[in-house]
Protein backbone atom coordinates (compact mmCIF):
# COMPACT_ATOMS: atom_id res chain seq x y z
CA UNK A 1 -89.67 0.06 126.96
CA UNK A 2 -90.26 -0.70 130.64
CA UNK A 3 -91.49 2.28 132.66
CA UNK A 4 -90.58 2.59 136.33
CA UNK A 5 -94.13 3.63 137.27
CA UNK A 6 -95.47 0.31 136.01
CA UNK A 7 -92.80 -1.89 137.59
CA UNK A 8 -93.02 -3.64 140.94
CA UNK A 9 -89.69 -3.97 142.74
CA UNK A 10 -91.19 -6.27 145.39
CA UNK A 11 -88.60 -8.88 146.32
CA UNK A 12 -86.18 -7.52 143.70
CA UNK A 13 -82.67 -6.17 144.04
CA UNK A 14 -82.19 -3.13 141.80
CA UNK A 15 -78.78 -1.82 140.83
CA UNK A 16 -79.23 1.88 140.22
CA UNK A 17 -76.83 4.23 138.43
CA UNK A 18 -77.26 7.49 140.31
CA UNK A 19 -75.35 10.75 139.99
CA UNK A 20 -73.82 11.39 143.39
CA UNK A 21 -70.95 13.43 141.92
CA UNK A 22 -71.54 16.06 144.59
CA UNK A 23 -69.25 18.82 145.95
CA UNK A 24 -67.45 18.06 149.21
CA UNK A 25 -65.91 20.30 151.85
CA UNK A 26 -62.13 20.02 151.32
CA UNK A 27 -61.37 19.79 155.04
CA UNK A 28 -64.20 17.66 156.45
CA UNK A 29 -65.40 15.97 153.23
CA UNK A 30 -69.00 16.80 154.05
CA UNK A 31 -71.45 17.21 151.16
CA UNK A 32 -71.93 20.94 150.57
CA UNK A 33 -74.77 20.67 148.03
CA UNK A 34 -77.08 17.64 148.09
CA UNK A 35 -79.13 18.62 145.02
CA UNK A 36 -78.09 15.52 143.06
CA UNK A 37 -78.81 13.24 145.99
CA UNK A 38 -82.28 14.72 146.33
CA UNK A 39 -82.78 14.24 142.60
CA UNK A 40 -82.37 10.47 143.00
CA UNK A 41 -84.79 10.14 145.93
CA UNK A 42 -88.02 9.48 143.96
CA UNK A 43 -86.43 6.48 142.24
CA UNK A 44 -84.81 5.11 145.41
CA UNK A 45 -87.99 5.57 147.42
CA UNK A 46 -90.10 3.84 144.75
CA UNK A 47 -87.82 0.78 144.92
CA UNK A 48 -87.85 0.66 148.72
CA UNK A 49 -91.58 1.32 149.14
CA UNK A 50 -92.37 -1.48 146.65
CA UNK A 51 -90.47 -3.88 148.89
CA UNK A 52 -87.26 -4.01 146.92
CA UNK A 53 -83.66 -3.22 147.86
CA UNK A 54 -81.42 -0.67 146.16
CA UNK A 55 -77.76 -1.05 145.20
CA UNK A 56 -76.47 2.40 144.29
CA UNK A 57 -73.42 3.12 142.11
CA UNK A 58 -71.93 6.44 141.03
CA UNK A 59 -68.88 8.54 140.19
CA UNK A 60 -67.38 11.10 142.57
CA UNK A 61 -64.71 13.52 141.40
CA UNK A 62 -61.98 12.53 138.95
CA UNK A 63 -59.50 10.24 140.71
CA UNK A 64 -56.75 9.52 138.18
CA UNK A 65 -54.74 6.75 139.79
CA UNK A 66 -57.24 4.42 141.36
CA UNK A 67 -58.63 4.53 144.92
CA UNK A 68 -58.36 7.93 146.60
CA UNK A 69 -59.78 8.57 150.09
CA UNK A 70 -60.71 12.11 149.10
CA UNK A 71 -63.02 10.77 146.39
CA UNK A 72 -64.60 7.93 148.36
CA UNK A 73 -68.37 7.70 148.15
CA UNK A 74 -68.28 6.87 151.86
CA UNK A 75 -68.35 10.66 152.38
CA UNK A 76 -71.81 10.77 150.80
CA UNK A 77 -73.38 8.36 153.29
CA UNK A 78 -74.40 10.94 155.98
CA UNK A 79 -76.20 13.16 153.43
CA UNK A 80 -77.84 10.18 151.73
CA UNK A 81 -78.99 8.71 155.04
CA UNK A 82 -80.41 12.05 156.13
CA UNK A 83 -82.36 12.40 152.88
CA UNK A 84 -83.72 8.89 153.35
CA UNK A 85 -85.06 9.69 156.81
CA UNK A 86 -82.09 8.37 158.76
CA UNK A 87 -81.99 4.99 157.03
CA UNK A 88 -78.82 2.93 157.52
CA UNK A 89 -76.69 2.82 154.38
CA UNK A 90 -74.56 -0.26 153.88
CA UNK A 91 -71.27 0.34 152.07
CA UNK A 92 -69.08 -1.82 149.84
CA UNK A 93 -65.55 -0.44 149.74
CA UNK A 94 -64.74 -2.58 146.70
CA UNK A 95 -67.21 -2.70 143.79
CA UNK A 96 -65.86 -6.07 142.71
CA UNK A 97 -66.18 -7.69 146.12
CA UNK A 98 -69.76 -6.76 147.00
CA UNK A 99 -71.55 -10.01 146.15
CA UNK A 100 -71.94 -11.13 149.77
CA UNK A 101 -73.32 -7.73 150.82
CA UNK A 102 -75.69 -7.64 147.84
CA UNK A 103 -76.97 -11.17 148.46
CA UNK A 104 -77.64 -10.35 152.12
CA UNK A 105 -79.74 -7.26 151.34
CA UNK A 106 -83.27 -7.41 152.70
CA UNK A 107 -86.29 -5.57 151.28
CA UNK A 108 -86.09 -1.87 152.11
CA UNK A 109 -82.31 -1.84 152.53
CA UNK A 110 -79.75 0.26 150.64
CA UNK A 111 -76.20 -0.63 149.62
CA UNK A 112 -73.83 2.00 148.24
CA UNK A 113 -70.88 0.84 146.12
CA UNK A 114 -67.52 2.57 146.16
CA UNK A 115 -66.64 5.15 143.48
CA UNK A 116 -66.80 3.51 140.05
CA UNK A 117 -64.00 5.77 138.84
CA UNK A 118 -61.56 3.93 141.08
CA UNK A 119 -61.64 1.25 138.39
CA UNK A 120 -60.21 1.84 134.93
CA UNK A 121 -62.80 -0.57 133.53
CA UNK A 122 -65.60 1.92 134.24
CA UNK A 123 -64.49 4.31 131.49
CA UNK A 124 -62.59 1.69 129.54
CA UNK A 125 -59.35 3.63 129.58
CA UNK A 126 -56.04 2.10 130.76
CA UNK A 127 -54.03 4.01 133.33
CA UNK A 128 -50.60 4.43 131.80
CA UNK A 129 -47.55 6.61 132.31
CA UNK A 130 -47.53 9.83 130.32
CA UNK A 131 -44.57 8.60 128.33
CA UNK A 132 -46.12 5.22 127.46
CA UNK A 133 -45.20 3.93 124.02
CA UNK A 134 -47.77 3.21 121.31
CA UNK A 135 -47.27 -0.50 121.93
CA UNK A 136 -47.97 -0.04 125.65
CA UNK A 137 -51.06 2.01 124.87
CA UNK A 138 -52.39 -0.65 122.50
CA UNK A 139 -51.71 -3.43 125.00
CA UNK A 140 -53.31 -1.43 127.81
CA UNK A 141 -56.42 -0.76 125.76
CA UNK A 142 -56.78 -4.45 124.90
CA UNK A 143 -56.26 -5.43 128.54
CA UNK A 144 -58.91 -3.05 129.85
CA UNK A 145 -61.38 -4.03 127.13
CA UNK A 146 -61.10 -7.64 128.23
CA UNK A 147 -61.24 -6.95 131.97
CA UNK A 148 -64.19 -4.60 131.44
CA UNK A 149 -66.34 -7.60 130.51
CA UNK A 150 -65.79 -9.14 133.94
CA UNK A 151 -66.29 -5.75 135.63
CA UNK A 152 -69.69 -5.26 134.01
CA UNK A 153 -70.79 -8.86 134.56
CA UNK A 154 -69.87 -8.65 138.23
CA UNK A 155 -71.88 -5.46 138.79
CA UNK A 156 -74.86 -6.94 136.94
CA UNK A 157 -74.70 -10.12 139.04
CA UNK A 158 -75.68 -8.20 142.17
CA UNK A 159 -79.22 -7.47 141.00
CA UNK A 160 -82.37 -8.60 139.18
CA UNK A 161 -83.08 -5.24 137.59
CA UNK A 162 -81.08 -2.25 136.32
CA UNK A 163 -82.21 1.36 136.63
CA UNK A 164 -80.31 4.27 135.09
CA UNK A 165 -81.15 7.57 136.77
CA UNK A 166 -77.94 9.50 136.05
CA UNK A 167 -78.78 11.76 133.13
CA UNK A 168 -75.63 13.86 133.55
CA UNK A 169 -73.50 10.90 132.39
CA UNK A 170 -75.88 9.45 129.79
CA UNK A 171 -73.74 10.84 126.96
CA UNK A 172 -70.78 8.71 128.04
CA UNK A 173 -70.39 5.06 126.99
CA UNK A 174 -69.30 3.94 130.44
CA UNK A 175 -69.67 0.47 131.89
CA UNK A 176 -72.32 1.61 134.39
CA UNK A 177 -74.42 3.61 131.93
CA UNK A 178 -74.28 1.74 128.64
CA UNK A 179 -72.69 -1.71 128.90
CA UNK A 180 -74.39 -3.04 132.03
CA UNK A 181 -77.83 -2.67 130.46
CA UNK A 182 -76.99 -5.50 128.06
CA UNK A 183 -77.08 -7.94 130.99
CA UNK A 184 -80.78 -7.32 131.63
CA UNK A 185 -83.78 -8.14 129.45
CA UNK A 186 -86.20 -5.48 128.23
CA UNK A 187 -88.61 -6.00 131.13
CA UNK A 188 -85.91 -5.56 133.77
CA UNK A 189 -84.08 -2.40 132.70
CA UNK A 190 -85.48 1.10 132.75
CA UNK A 191 -84.88 4.78 133.39
CA UNK A 192 -85.45 6.26 136.82
CA UNK A 193 -87.81 9.16 137.44
CA UNK A 194 -85.05 11.75 136.97
CA UNK A 195 -84.02 10.65 133.49
CA UNK A 196 -87.66 10.27 132.46
CA UNK A 197 -88.38 13.85 133.52
CA UNK A 198 -85.25 15.12 131.74
CA UNK A 199 -86.23 13.45 128.47
CA UNK A 200 -89.81 14.65 128.77
CA UNK A 201 -88.68 18.25 129.32
CA UNK A 202 -86.26 18.24 126.41
CA UNK A 203 -88.67 16.53 124.04
CA UNK A 204 -91.29 19.11 124.97
CA UNK A 205 -88.99 21.97 123.92
CA UNK A 206 -87.94 20.24 120.70
CA UNK A 207 -91.42 19.15 119.65
CA UNK A 208 -93.72 21.72 121.24
CA UNK A 209 -96.02 23.73 119.01
CA UNK A 210 -96.65 26.32 121.72
CA UNK A 211 -95.45 29.53 120.09
CA UNK A 212 -93.59 31.83 120.20
CA UNK A 213 -90.67 29.48 120.93
CA UNK A 214 -87.43 31.10 122.06
CA UNK A 215 -83.91 29.74 122.50
CA UNK A 216 -81.51 31.76 124.68
CA UNK A 217 -77.90 30.85 123.96
CA UNK A 218 -75.12 32.32 126.06
CA UNK A 219 -71.58 31.43 126.91
CA UNK A 220 -68.16 32.13 125.51
CA UNK A 221 -67.99 30.41 122.14
CA UNK A 222 -70.16 30.18 119.05
CA UNK A 223 -68.45 26.88 118.27
CA UNK A 224 -69.80 25.33 121.49
CA UNK A 225 -73.40 26.08 120.52
CA UNK A 226 -73.43 25.78 116.73
CA UNK A 227 -74.91 22.27 116.69
CA UNK A 228 -77.78 22.98 119.06
CA UNK A 229 -78.53 26.28 117.31
CA UNK A 230 -78.61 24.51 113.92
CA UNK A 231 -80.96 21.82 115.30
CA UNK A 232 -83.32 24.36 116.85
CA UNK A 233 -83.50 26.93 114.04
CA UNK A 234 -86.23 25.11 112.06
CA UNK A 235 -88.43 24.93 115.17
CA UNK A 236 -88.00 28.28 116.96
CA UNK A 237 -89.26 31.81 116.44
CA UNK A 238 -86.62 33.74 118.38
CA UNK A 239 -82.91 33.25 119.01
CA UNK A 240 -81.37 35.33 121.78
CA UNK A 241 -77.56 35.51 121.79
CA UNK A 242 -75.56 36.49 124.87
CA UNK A 243 -72.26 36.05 126.64
CA UNK A 244 -68.83 36.18 125.07
CA UNK A 245 -70.01 34.81 121.73
CA UNK A 246 -71.90 38.07 121.24
CA UNK A 247 -68.72 39.69 119.97
CA UNK A 248 -68.02 37.10 117.31
CA UNK A 249 -71.40 38.07 115.82
CA UNK A 250 -70.72 41.78 116.30
CA UNK A 251 -67.31 41.66 114.62
CA UNK A 252 -68.63 39.47 111.81
CA UNK A 253 -71.05 42.31 111.02
CA UNK A 254 -68.34 44.95 111.06
CA UNK A 255 -68.70 46.20 114.63
CA UNK A 256 -65.91 47.50 116.86
CA UNK A 257 -65.35 45.12 119.83
CA UNK A 258 -62.21 46.42 121.60
CA UNK A 259 -60.61 43.60 123.59
CA UNK A 260 -63.81 41.58 123.85
CA UNK A 261 -63.69 37.83 123.43
CA UNK A 262 -63.94 36.79 119.80
CA UNK A 263 -63.44 33.59 117.82
CA UNK A 264 -61.65 35.06 114.84
CA UNK A 265 -61.93 31.82 112.89
CA UNK A 266 -65.70 31.64 113.40
CA UNK A 267 -66.75 34.95 111.85
CA UNK A 268 -68.06 33.23 108.74
CA UNK A 269 -69.88 30.73 110.93
CA UNK A 270 -71.64 33.56 112.76
CA UNK A 271 -72.78 35.05 109.46
CA UNK A 272 -73.97 31.62 108.30
CA UNK A 273 -76.10 31.28 111.45
CA UNK A 274 -77.67 34.67 110.77
CA UNK A 275 -78.34 33.65 107.16
CA UNK A 276 -79.96 30.36 108.18
CA UNK A 277 -82.05 32.12 110.81
CA UNK A 278 -83.38 34.49 108.16
CA UNK A 279 -84.22 31.54 105.91
CA UNK A 280 -86.24 30.00 108.73
CA UNK A 281 -87.88 33.33 109.62
CA UNK A 282 -86.23 33.29 113.04
CA UNK A 283 -85.73 36.66 114.68
CA UNK A 284 -82.21 36.95 116.10
CA UNK A 285 -81.58 39.22 119.08
CA UNK A 286 -77.96 40.21 119.67
CA UNK A 287 -77.00 42.51 122.58
CA UNK A 288 -76.98 46.19 121.59
CA UNK A 289 -75.33 47.60 124.71
CA UNK A 290 -72.95 46.24 127.31
CA UNK A 291 -71.17 46.72 130.59
CA UNK A 292 -67.49 46.95 129.70
CA UNK A 293 -64.36 46.43 131.79
CA UNK A 294 -60.81 47.63 131.32
CA UNK A 295 -59.55 44.18 132.33
CA UNK A 296 -60.88 40.71 133.09
CA UNK A 297 -61.04 41.19 136.83
CA UNK A 298 -63.71 41.36 139.51
CA UNK A 299 -62.36 44.76 140.55
CA UNK A 300 -61.99 46.20 137.05
CA UNK A 301 -63.12 49.69 136.12
CA UNK A 302 -66.43 49.59 134.26
CA UNK A 303 -68.31 51.58 131.68
CA UNK A 304 -71.14 51.26 129.15
CA UNK A 305 -71.23 51.38 125.38
CA UNK A 306 -73.00 50.04 122.34
CA UNK A 307 -71.76 46.52 121.68
CA UNK A 308 -70.55 47.54 118.22
CA UNK A 309 -68.74 50.59 119.60
CA UNK A 310 -66.62 49.02 122.35
CA UNK A 311 -63.72 51.37 123.16
CA UNK A 312 -60.16 50.26 122.46
CA UNK A 313 -58.66 48.49 125.47
CA UNK A 314 -62.07 47.59 126.91
CA UNK A 315 -64.06 44.35 126.82
CA UNK A 316 -67.76 43.59 127.12
CA UNK A 317 -68.50 41.40 130.15
CA UNK A 318 -72.28 41.73 130.60
CA UNK A 319 -75.39 42.98 128.83
CA UNK A 320 -76.68 46.44 129.80
CA UNK A 321 -80.08 48.10 130.28
CA UNK A 322 -81.29 48.40 126.68
CA UNK A 323 -80.49 44.78 125.92
CA UNK A 324 -82.00 43.57 129.18
CA UNK A 325 -85.25 45.36 128.35
CA UNK A 326 -85.35 43.90 124.82
CA UNK A 327 -84.57 40.36 125.92
CA UNK A 328 -87.03 40.54 128.81
CA UNK A 329 -89.86 41.59 126.47
CA UNK A 330 -89.16 38.71 124.07
CA UNK A 331 -89.01 36.20 126.93
CA UNK A 332 -92.24 37.38 128.53
CA UNK A 333 -94.06 37.08 125.20
CA UNK A 334 -92.81 33.54 124.59
CA UNK A 335 -94.63 30.28 125.36
CA UNK A 336 -91.74 27.79 125.10
CA UNK A 337 -88.23 28.77 126.19
CA UNK A 338 -84.84 27.07 126.42
CA UNK A 339 -81.99 28.81 128.25
CA UNK A 340 -78.43 27.57 128.02
CA UNK A 341 -75.51 29.81 128.95
CA UNK A 342 -74.98 33.09 130.83
CA UNK A 343 -75.27 36.60 129.47
CA UNK A 344 -71.94 37.70 130.93
CA UNK A 345 -69.18 36.80 133.37
CA UNK A 346 -71.76 35.71 135.90
CA UNK A 347 -69.27 34.55 138.52
CA UNK A 348 -68.16 38.18 139.08
CA UNK A 349 -70.85 40.21 140.86
CA UNK A 350 -70.15 43.33 138.80
CA UNK A 351 -71.09 41.43 135.67
CA UNK A 352 -73.95 39.20 136.88
CA UNK A 353 -76.91 41.60 136.54
CA UNK A 354 -77.74 40.61 132.96
CA UNK A 355 -77.80 36.90 133.71
CA UNK A 356 -79.91 37.48 136.83
CA UNK A 357 -82.34 39.61 134.81
CA UNK A 358 -82.84 36.76 132.35
CA UNK A 359 -83.46 34.35 135.24
CA UNK A 360 -86.13 36.65 136.65
CA UNK A 361 -87.75 37.14 133.23
CA UNK A 362 -87.97 33.37 132.81
CA UNK A 363 -89.68 33.03 136.18
CA UNK A 364 -92.23 35.66 135.12
CA UNK A 365 -92.81 33.93 131.79
CA UNK A 366 -93.36 30.63 133.62
CA UNK A 367 -95.90 32.27 135.92
CA UNK A 368 -97.70 33.48 132.80
CA UNK A 369 -97.98 29.94 131.42
CA UNK A 370 -94.76 29.43 129.44
CA UNK A 371 -92.77 26.19 129.56
CA UNK A 372 -89.19 27.02 130.55
CA UNK A 373 -86.24 24.64 130.44
CA UNK A 374 -82.96 25.69 132.05
CA UNK A 375 -79.72 23.82 131.31
CA UNK A 376 -76.00 24.41 131.65
CA UNK A 377 -73.91 25.10 134.75
CA UNK A 378 -74.03 28.91 134.81
CA UNK A 379 -77.69 29.10 133.83
CA UNK A 380 -78.60 26.67 136.61
CA UNK A 381 -76.35 28.56 139.02
CA UNK A 382 -78.12 31.80 138.13
CA UNK A 383 -81.54 30.27 138.72
CA UNK A 384 -80.40 28.87 142.06
CA UNK A 385 -78.62 32.08 143.12
CA UNK A 386 -81.81 34.02 142.51
CA UNK A 387 -83.83 31.33 144.34
CA UNK A 388 -85.99 30.73 141.29
CA UNK A 389 -85.54 27.00 140.70
CA UNK A 390 -89.13 26.35 141.78
CA UNK A 391 -90.37 29.23 139.62
CA UNK A 392 -89.36 27.76 136.25
CA UNK A 393 -90.71 24.62 134.59
CA UNK A 394 -87.60 22.44 134.62
CA UNK A 395 -83.95 22.73 135.63
CA UNK A 396 -81.81 20.11 133.88
CA UNK A 397 -79.17 18.18 135.81
CA UNK A 398 -77.10 17.36 132.72
CA UNK A 399 -75.16 20.12 130.99
CA UNK A 400 -73.21 18.17 128.37
CA UNK A 401 -75.82 15.42 128.13
CA UNK A 402 -78.61 17.94 127.60
CA UNK A 403 -76.71 19.72 124.85
CA UNK A 404 -75.87 16.50 123.03
CA UNK A 405 -79.44 15.20 123.27
CA UNK A 406 -80.86 18.45 121.94
CA UNK A 407 -78.25 18.49 119.19
CA UNK A 408 -79.76 15.24 117.99
CA UNK A 409 -76.87 13.00 119.03
CA UNK A 410 -77.37 9.44 120.23
CA UNK A 411 -76.59 9.19 123.96
CA UNK A 412 -75.14 5.75 124.82
CA UNK A 413 -76.85 5.65 128.22
CA UNK A 414 -80.23 6.41 126.63
CA UNK A 415 -79.81 4.05 123.68
CA UNK A 416 -78.85 1.19 126.01
CA UNK A 417 -82.37 1.21 127.42
CA UNK A 418 -84.56 2.95 124.85
CA UNK A 419 -82.84 1.34 121.88
CA UNK A 420 -82.70 4.46 119.71
């Protein structure tokens, strides 16, 4: 597999799949968080400094009916230019009509293509009326499949080399992440620095022998995390459970959970996880006390109780002091740690203390030599809110992609280049 470090882009045009799916101000359409843009800079700068030119392509938002001014990648240009030291960014407002602009690119120049999601060929899904018949759906699917070939070939024709640096979409078999790679030989397609670092971080957690190894799984549903838990159980020493799925485990063991969130049809699954953990000698830590609320509201009345003694009419929305102390001790004693999912309703300040405590414990563990990988929207938000992103080992940019990779699934965008 070609590695970007070993490749010279001198005189080459590189088409790069980046992840510029960034938040925009609804009134002015200015980029409000340029984290993803900054994540692509090492790859872009490598291409330009080698003497190559970069053709960038990405998604932005979820436009459903074709071109939409609100979702135009043109809005990203000021932030991209600023991050590239004021460099001029050329723009193609039609991905399929960019050949002339691409051919005219000189070494060191950057061309940004319009939002790939403006084209149904990108995701391979026809845009049809909600009441479309089965015949219309079948015809639409066949039409898009055929036109997708031209779409991919056209994008590939702009460049000599393909670089995928958008890990957050690597689990989708889109034209720009999976299909386009087939138009380049093994020596002229590769991952960018961001994807390489993502894979390295995840592989380190999966394969590391630095013990104790701890997985922290939060979030609402056991069903969302069952696959990654099952994959990790043979390799970890500790499993910390948090968030709403706590109460599925508590109820499965006969506890009283009040109005707390619970997947009633997953009680047996929770018990099966506990059984498998015991078979693998994994210590499972489930919250023992909680901050409760009388309703799911930022201004709700609050109280504390044991998680298995939640009062009627109340619901657990965050972990409390005893649990925080227990979890913190386990984290600080660990050498390899994965965190995915919050400990409570993190978006409400009243119920964010537990998640913030875990973020701080991870930073301390990292300072003491542990390798810490953070993934998932709320976990990343907690790290960023507490200004600890530079105090942990790695913060993943791909929530769904990270989960699927660590679950052992084949990611189309990864397979297209790595071949596995």
